[in-house]
């Protein structure tokens, strides 16, 4: 798989990464399959793996660390801090240090390749947060810094304290708001890791209707699944699927290849606990989209999903 450079500090990753949020939320009986999926990703050429304290409160990090232990020196591992178990922000310096130390232990590593602040904390200036993160860079326990779910203003402030190598943000054919920040990323020399690149299942090839989702599933509150929007979004999916099939590809491969083609500094991180699905996703790295293909996709979904 081809490589990509994220930022200007030396971070190099595969063109497609692996997002480990979903596997951390599965029942422990699925751990063996999840580890097999992670190892399949590595065998396919994936070298960038993403997790967070939030994903199972250490369970996800332990699972990823176990799966990658034998190839640790051949991969980059990213994790994040910044939430409490009640899902409120917490980037107070003492909490940040505690979480980073726990993450190193959970992952079973002596350094974290990419450390993100997971979400802005309005009570702590981002300059102070990055100052704490820099302590771990200076100590050799973190290699590169990133921010996730942040604002352009915070990104600029953070970058002034210590170079930020990568921003993690939601980006897909269905969710295109992140395109507004691309000029700033290019100005500052920052890469973009795209989470939810398959639009939370809409672009995965088998979207689940709202009524079939579990009562606690956050997607039930998404405007993409609202009556009227859901049917219109299915029409987008049908048109994209037809384009994918005309190229001998799946909808998920087309969707991931679209992100890879958007900019040379974008890396999507799809995630799955199924090894065969992982290999299917990674096949997107071999799918070449022409200028006509990209224009066709823009005509199908010029501003993303219907979300009125």
Protein backbone atom coordinates (compact mmCIF):
# COMPACT_ATOMS: atom_id res chain seq x y z
CA UNK A 1 0.00 0.00 0.00
CA UNK A 2 1.25 3.48 -0.84
CA UNK A 3 2.43 5.78 1.96
CA UNK A 4 1.40 9.29 2.92
CA UNK A 5 3.15 12.04 4.84
CA UNK A 6 1.04 13.81 7.46
CA UNK A 7 2.40 17.12 8.62
CA UNK A 8 5.96 18.34 8.35
CA UNK A 9 7.49 16.59 11.36
CA UNK A 10 8.12 13.18 9.76
CA UNK A 11 4.88 11.26 10.35
CA UNK A 12 4.45 8.70 7.57
CA UNK A 13 1.50 6.31 7.38
CA UNK A 14 -0.27 4.01 4.96
CA UNK A 15 -2.80 5.70 2.66
CA UNK A 16 -5.60 3.92 4.53
CA UNK A 17 -5.50 3.39 8.27
CA UNK A 18 -7.54 1.37 10.74
CA UNK A 19 -9.97 2.86 13.25
CA UNK A 20 -10.36 0.73 16.37
CA UNK A 21 -13.40 2.34 17.98
CA UNK A 22 -15.93 -0.28 16.92
CA UNK A 23 -13.99 -3.30 18.14
CA UNK A 24 -13.65 -1.78 21.62
CA UNK A 25 -17.43 -1.75 21.92
CA UNK A 26 -17.96 -5.38 20.92
CA UNK A 27 -18.49 -8.18 23.41
CA UNK A 28 -15.28 -9.77 24.68
CA UNK A 29 -16.28 -12.98 22.92
CA UNK A 30 -15.42 -11.13 19.70
CA UNK A 31 -11.86 -10.27 20.77
CA UNK A 32 -10.23 -13.09 18.82
CA UNK A 33 -11.99 -12.00 15.62
CA UNK A 34 -11.08 -8.36 16.31
CA UNK A 35 -7.41 -9.21 16.76
CA UNK A 36 -7.54 -11.19 13.51
CA UNK A 37 -9.07 -8.15 11.78
CA UNK A 38 -6.30 -5.89 13.05
CA UNK A 39 -3.62 -8.34 11.93
CA UNK A 40 -5.32 -8.66 8.54
CA UNK A 41 -5.13 -4.88 8.18
CA UNK A 42 -1.40 -5.04 8.86
CA UNK A 43 -0.97 -7.89 6.38
CA UNK A 44 -2.78 -5.76 3.79
CA UNK A 45 -0.22 -2.98 4.26
CA UNK A 46 -1.99 -0.80 6.83
CA UNK A 47 0.54 0.80 9.18
CA UNK A 48 -1.57 3.37 11.02
CA UNK A 49 -3.91 2.29 13.82
CA UNK A 50 -6.16 4.64 15.78
CA UNK A 51 -7.77 4.26 19.20
CA UNK A 52 -8.64 6.37 22.27
CA UNK A 53 -9.10 6.18 26.01
CA UNK A 54 -12.81 6.73 25.35
CA UNK A 55 -13.07 3.48 23.39
CA UNK A 56 -13.87 1.11 26.20
CA UNK A 57 -11.93 3.13 28.80
CA UNK A 58 -8.68 1.25 28.25
CA UNK A 59 -10.15 -1.91 26.78
CA UNK A 60 -9.71 -0.72 23.22
CA UNK A 61 -6.11 0.30 23.84
CA UNK A 62 -5.31 -3.06 25.43
CA UNK A 63 -6.89 -4.93 22.54
CA UNK A 64 -4.98 -2.93 19.94
CA UNK A 65 -1.73 -3.22 21.86
CA UNK A 66 -2.10 -6.98 22.09
CA UNK A 67 -2.85 -7.32 18.37
CA UNK A 68 0.13 -5.20 17.32
CA UNK A 69 2.70 -6.28 19.92
CA UNK A 70 4.74 -8.41 17.51
CA UNK A 71 4.86 -5.68 14.83
CA UNK A 72 5.09 -2.65 17.09
CA UNK A 73 8.13 -1.18 15.34
CA UNK A 74 6.47 -1.38 11.91
CA UNK A 75 3.32 0.61 12.75
CA UNK A 76 2.15 3.94 14.09
CA UNK A 77 -0.33 3.91 16.97
CA UNK A 78 -2.52 6.91 17.74
CA UNK A 79 -4.62 7.48 20.83
CA UNK A 80 -6.58 10.33 22.38
CA UNK A 81 -7.48 11.91 25.71
CA UNK A 82 -10.00 14.52 26.77
CA UNK A 83 -13.25 12.92 27.94
CA UNK A 84 -14.70 11.78 31.24
CA UNK A 85 -16.90 8.66 31.57
CA UNK A 86 -19.90 11.01 31.50
CA UNK A 87 -18.69 12.24 28.07
CA UNK A 88 -17.88 15.74 29.23
CA UNK A 89 -14.57 17.35 28.23
CA UNK A 90 -11.64 17.20 30.65
CA UNK A 91 -8.22 18.40 29.53
CA UNK A 92 -6.98 19.67 32.86
CA UNK A 93 -3.21 19.11 33.02
CA UNK A 94 -3.33 16.57 35.84
CA UNK A 95 -5.99 14.58 34.03
CA UNK A 96 -4.09 14.69 30.73
CA UNK A 97 -0.94 13.33 32.39
CA UNK A 98 -2.90 10.57 34.09
CA UNK A 99 -4.57 9.48 30.85
CA UNK A 100 -1.34 9.50 28.83
CA UNK A 101 0.41 7.39 31.44
CA UNK A 102 -2.52 4.98 31.46
CA UNK A 103 -2.54 4.80 27.67
CA UNK A 104 1.14 3.89 27.55
CA UNK A 105 0.46 1.10 30.01
CA UNK A 106 -2.72 -0.13 28.31
CA UNK A 107 -1.06 -0.21 24.90
CA UNK A 108 2.02 -1.90 26.33
CA UNK A 109 4.36 0.55 24.58
CA UNK A 110 7.13 2.91 25.62
CA UNK A 111 5.90 5.65 23.31
CA UNK A 112 2.75 6.79 21.52
CA UNK A 113 3.22 7.73 17.89
CA UNK A 114 0.36 10.23 17.63
CA UNK A 115 -1.32 11.80 20.65
CA UNK A 116 -4.56 13.74 20.13
CA UNK A 117 -6.66 15.96 22.30
CA UNK A 118 -9.98 14.26 21.54
CA UNK A 119 -12.22 17.29 21.97
CA UNK A 120 -11.84 20.92 22.98
CA UNK A 121 -12.18 21.72 26.67
CA UNK A 122 -13.60 25.25 27.01
CA UNK A 123 -12.23 25.50 30.56
CA UNK A 124 -8.59 24.93 29.58
CA UNK A 125 -6.80 27.04 26.94
CA UNK A 126 -5.53 24.86 24.13
CA UNK A 127 -2.08 26.39 24.54
CA UNK A 128 -1.94 24.94 28.05
CA UNK A 129 -3.12 21.54 26.84
CA UNK A 130 -0.50 21.40 24.10
CA UNK A 131 2.12 22.49 26.62
CA UNK A 132 1.39 19.33 28.63
CA UNK A 133 1.43 17.19 25.47
CA UNK A 134 4.80 18.72 24.58
CA UNK A 135 6.20 17.49 27.89
CA UNK A 136 5.73 13.93 26.64
CA UNK A 137 7.33 14.73 23.29
CA UNK A 138 10.34 16.16 25.10
CA UNK A 139 10.49 13.02 27.26
CA UNK A 140 10.45 10.73 24.22
CA UNK A 141 7.09 9.20 25.16
CA UNK A 142 5.13 10.80 22.30
CA UNK A 143 6.36 11.36 18.75
CA UNK A 144 3.72 13.55 17.06
CA UNK A 145 0.83 15.73 18.23
CA UNK A 146 -2.68 16.06 16.86
CA UNK A 147 -6.04 17.63 17.61
CA UNK A 148 -9.50 16.18 16.99
CA UNK A 149 -12.92 17.82 16.81
CA UNK A 150 -11.49 21.31 17.14
CA UNK A 151 -11.83 24.75 15.60
CA UNK A 152 -9.53 26.50 13.12
CA UNK A 153 -8.71 29.09 15.79
CA UNK A 154 -7.65 26.43 18.29
CA UNK A 155 -5.65 24.63 15.63
CA UNK A 156 -3.71 27.78 14.88
CA UNK A 157 -3.12 28.52 18.58
CA UNK A 158 -1.97 24.97 19.27
CA UNK A 159 0.39 24.94 16.30
CA UNK A 160 2.09 28.06 17.65
CA UNK A 161 3.00 26.20 20.87
CA UNK A 162 4.21 22.98 19.24
CA UNK A 163 3.85 21.78 15.64
CA UNK A 164 0.62 19.89 15.10
CA UNK A 165 1.12 17.08 12.60
CA UNK A 166 -2.45 15.98 12.07
CA UNK A 167 -6.07 16.96 12.55
CA UNK A 168 -8.64 14.21 12.99
CA UNK A 169 -12.11 15.13 11.78
CA UNK A 170 -15.22 13.52 10.35
CA UNK A 171 -15.04 13.47 6.56
CA UNK A 172 -16.85 11.41 3.95
CA UNK A 173 -18.93 11.84 0.81
CA UNK A 174 -21.87 12.32 3.18
CA UNK A 175 -20.08 14.69 5.60
CA UNK A 176 -18.11 17.42 3.84
CA UNK A 177 -17.95 20.18 6.45
CA UNK A 178 -14.26 19.49 7.02
CA UNK A 179 -13.47 20.78 3.55
CA UNK A 180 -13.68 24.30 4.98
CA UNK A 181 -10.52 23.72 7.02
CA UNK A 182 -8.40 22.29 4.20
CA UNK A 183 -6.86 25.66 3.23
CA UNK A 184 -5.69 26.14 6.82
CA UNK A 185 -4.20 22.65 6.92
CA UNK A 186 -2.28 23.45 3.75
CA UNK A 187 -1.12 26.78 5.15
CA UNK A 188 0.18 25.20 8.36
CA UNK A 189 1.38 21.95 6.81
CA UNK A 190 -0.97 19.64 8.76
CA UNK A 191 -2.38 16.29 7.63
CA UNK A 192 -5.97 15.10 7.98
CA UNK A 193 -7.11 11.75 9.36
CA UNK A 194 -10.72 11.19 8.33
CA UNK A 195 -12.91 9.34 10.81
CA UNK A 196 -16.34 7.91 9.96
CA UNK A 197 -15.25 7.70 6.30
CA UNK A 198 -18.14 5.33 5.51
CA UNK A 199 -20.71 7.74 6.95
CA UNK A 200 -21.58 5.63 9.98
CA UNK A 201 -22.75 2.76 7.80
CA UNK A 202 -24.52 4.63 5.01
CA UNK A 203 -21.60 4.08 2.64
CA UNK A 204 -20.78 0.59 3.85
CA UNK A 205 -23.16 -1.18 1.50
CA UNK A 206 -25.91 -2.22 3.92
CA UNK A 207 -27.40 0.75 5.75
CA UNK A 208 -29.79 -0.03 8.60
CA UNK A 209 -33.13 1.87 8.77
CA UNK A 210 -33.79 3.90 11.90
CA UNK A 211 -36.53 1.59 13.19
CA UNK A 212 -34.13 -1.35 13.06
CA UNK A 213 -31.44 0.40 15.11
CA UNK A 214 -31.13 -0.30 18.83
CA UNK A 215 -32.90 2.18 21.06
CA UNK A 216 -29.60 3.54 22.36
CA UNK A 217 -27.93 3.83 18.94
CA UNK A 218 -26.79 7.44 18.44
CA UNK A 219 -27.68 7.21 14.75
CA UNK A 220 -31.38 7.29 15.65
CA UNK A 221 -30.84 11.00 16.43
CA UNK A 222 -28.96 11.72 13.21
CA UNK A 223 -30.78 13.85 10.64
CA UNK A 224 -29.46 11.47 7.95
CA UNK A 225 -31.89 8.85 9.28
CA UNK A 226 -34.87 11.22 9.66
CA UNK A 227 -37.97 10.47 7.56
CA UNK A 228 -37.59 12.05 4.14
CA UNK A 229 -33.86 12.48 4.50
CA UNK A 230 -33.32 8.73 4.83
CA UNK A 231 -35.08 7.99 1.56
CA UNK A 232 -33.24 10.79 -0.25
CA UNK A 233 -29.93 9.55 1.10
CA UNK A 234 -30.72 6.03 -0.09
CA UNK A 235 -31.05 7.50 -3.59
CA UNK A 236 -27.52 8.91 -3.25
CA UNK A 237 -26.32 5.50 -2.12
CA UNK A 238 -27.95 3.84 -5.13
CA UNK A 239 -26.25 6.22 -7.57
CA UNK A 240 -22.86 5.82 -5.88
CA UNK A 241 -23.26 2.05 -5.87
CA UNK A 242 -23.94 2.06 -9.59
CA UNK A 243 -20.77 4.08 -10.19
CA UNK A 244 -18.76 1.73 -7.97
CA UNK A 245 -20.04 -1.34 -9.78
CA UNK A 246 -19.16 0.21 -13.14
CA UNK A 247 -15.58 0.29 -11.89
CA UNK A 248 -15.63 -3.23 -10.49
CA UNK A 249 -15.60 -1.93 -6.93
CA UNK A 250 -17.82 -1.88 -3.86
CA UNK A 251 -19.52 1.21 -2.45
CA UNK A 252 -17.12 1.25 0.52
CA UNK A 253 -14.10 1.05 -1.78
CA UNK A 254 -15.40 3.92 -3.90
CA UNK A 255 -16.06 6.01 -0.79
CA UNK A 256 -12.60 5.43 0.65
CA UNK A 257 -10.86 5.94 -2.69
CA UNK A 258 -12.70 9.27 -3.00
CA UNK A 259 -11.12 10.46 0.25
CA UNK A 260 -7.66 9.28 -0.79
CA UNK A 261 -8.06 11.16 -4.07
CA UNK A 262 -9.21 14.42 -2.47
CA UNK A 263 -5.79 15.46 -1.16
CA UNK A 264 -2.39 13.76 -0.79
CA UNK A 265 -2.41 14.42 2.96
CA UNK A 266 -5.74 12.71 3.79
CA UNK A 267 -5.85 9.25 5.42
CA UNK A 268 -9.25 7.62 6.12
CA UNK A 269 -9.53 5.21 9.04
CA UNK A 270 -12.36 2.72 8.46
CA UNK A 271 -12.83 0.11 11.17
CA UNK A 272 -14.26 -3.39 11.29
CA UNK A 273 -14.03 -6.48 13.44
CA UNK A 274 -14.36 -8.69 10.37
CA UNK A 275 -11.10 -9.59 8.62
CA UNK A 276 -12.71 -10.09 5.22
CA UNK A 277 -14.40 -6.70 5.43
CA UNK A 278 -11.07 -5.15 6.38
CA UNK A 279 -9.46 -6.56 3.25
CA UNK A 280 -12.37 -5.30 1.15
CA UNK A 281 -11.94 -1.80 2.58
CA UNK A 282 -8.21 -1.84 1.99
CA UNK A 283 -8.81 -2.69 -1.65
CA UNK A 284 -9.75 0.98 -2.02
CA UNK A 285 -6.04 1.80 -2.07
CA UNK A 286 -5.82 0.15 -5.49
CA UNK A 287 -8.89 1.88 -6.95
CA UNK A 288 -8.00 4.81 -9.17
CA UNK A 289 -10.68 7.42 -9.68
CA UNK A 290 -10.52 9.63 -12.75
CA UNK A 291 -11.38 13.31 -12.88
CA UNK A 292 -14.68 12.30 -14.46
CA UNK A 293 -15.37 9.90 -11.58
CA UNK A 294 -14.74 12.63 -9.02
CA UNK A 295 -16.94 15.07 -10.92
CA UNK A 296 -19.67 12.43 -11.09
CA UNK A 297 -19.54 11.95 -7.32
CA UNK A 298 -19.76 15.72 -6.82
CA UNK A 299 -22.89 15.79 -8.96
CA UNK A 300 -24.44 12.96 -6.96
CA UNK A 301 -23.69 14.50 -3.54
CA UNK A 302 -22.50 18.09 -4.06
CA UNK A 303 -22.90 19.07 -0.41
CA UNK A 304 -23.01 15.67 1.25
CA UNK A 305 -26.01 13.88 2.70
CA UNK A 306 -29.51 15.27 3.04
CA UNK A 307 -29.81 16.53 6.62
CA UNK A 308 -32.59 19.12 6.65
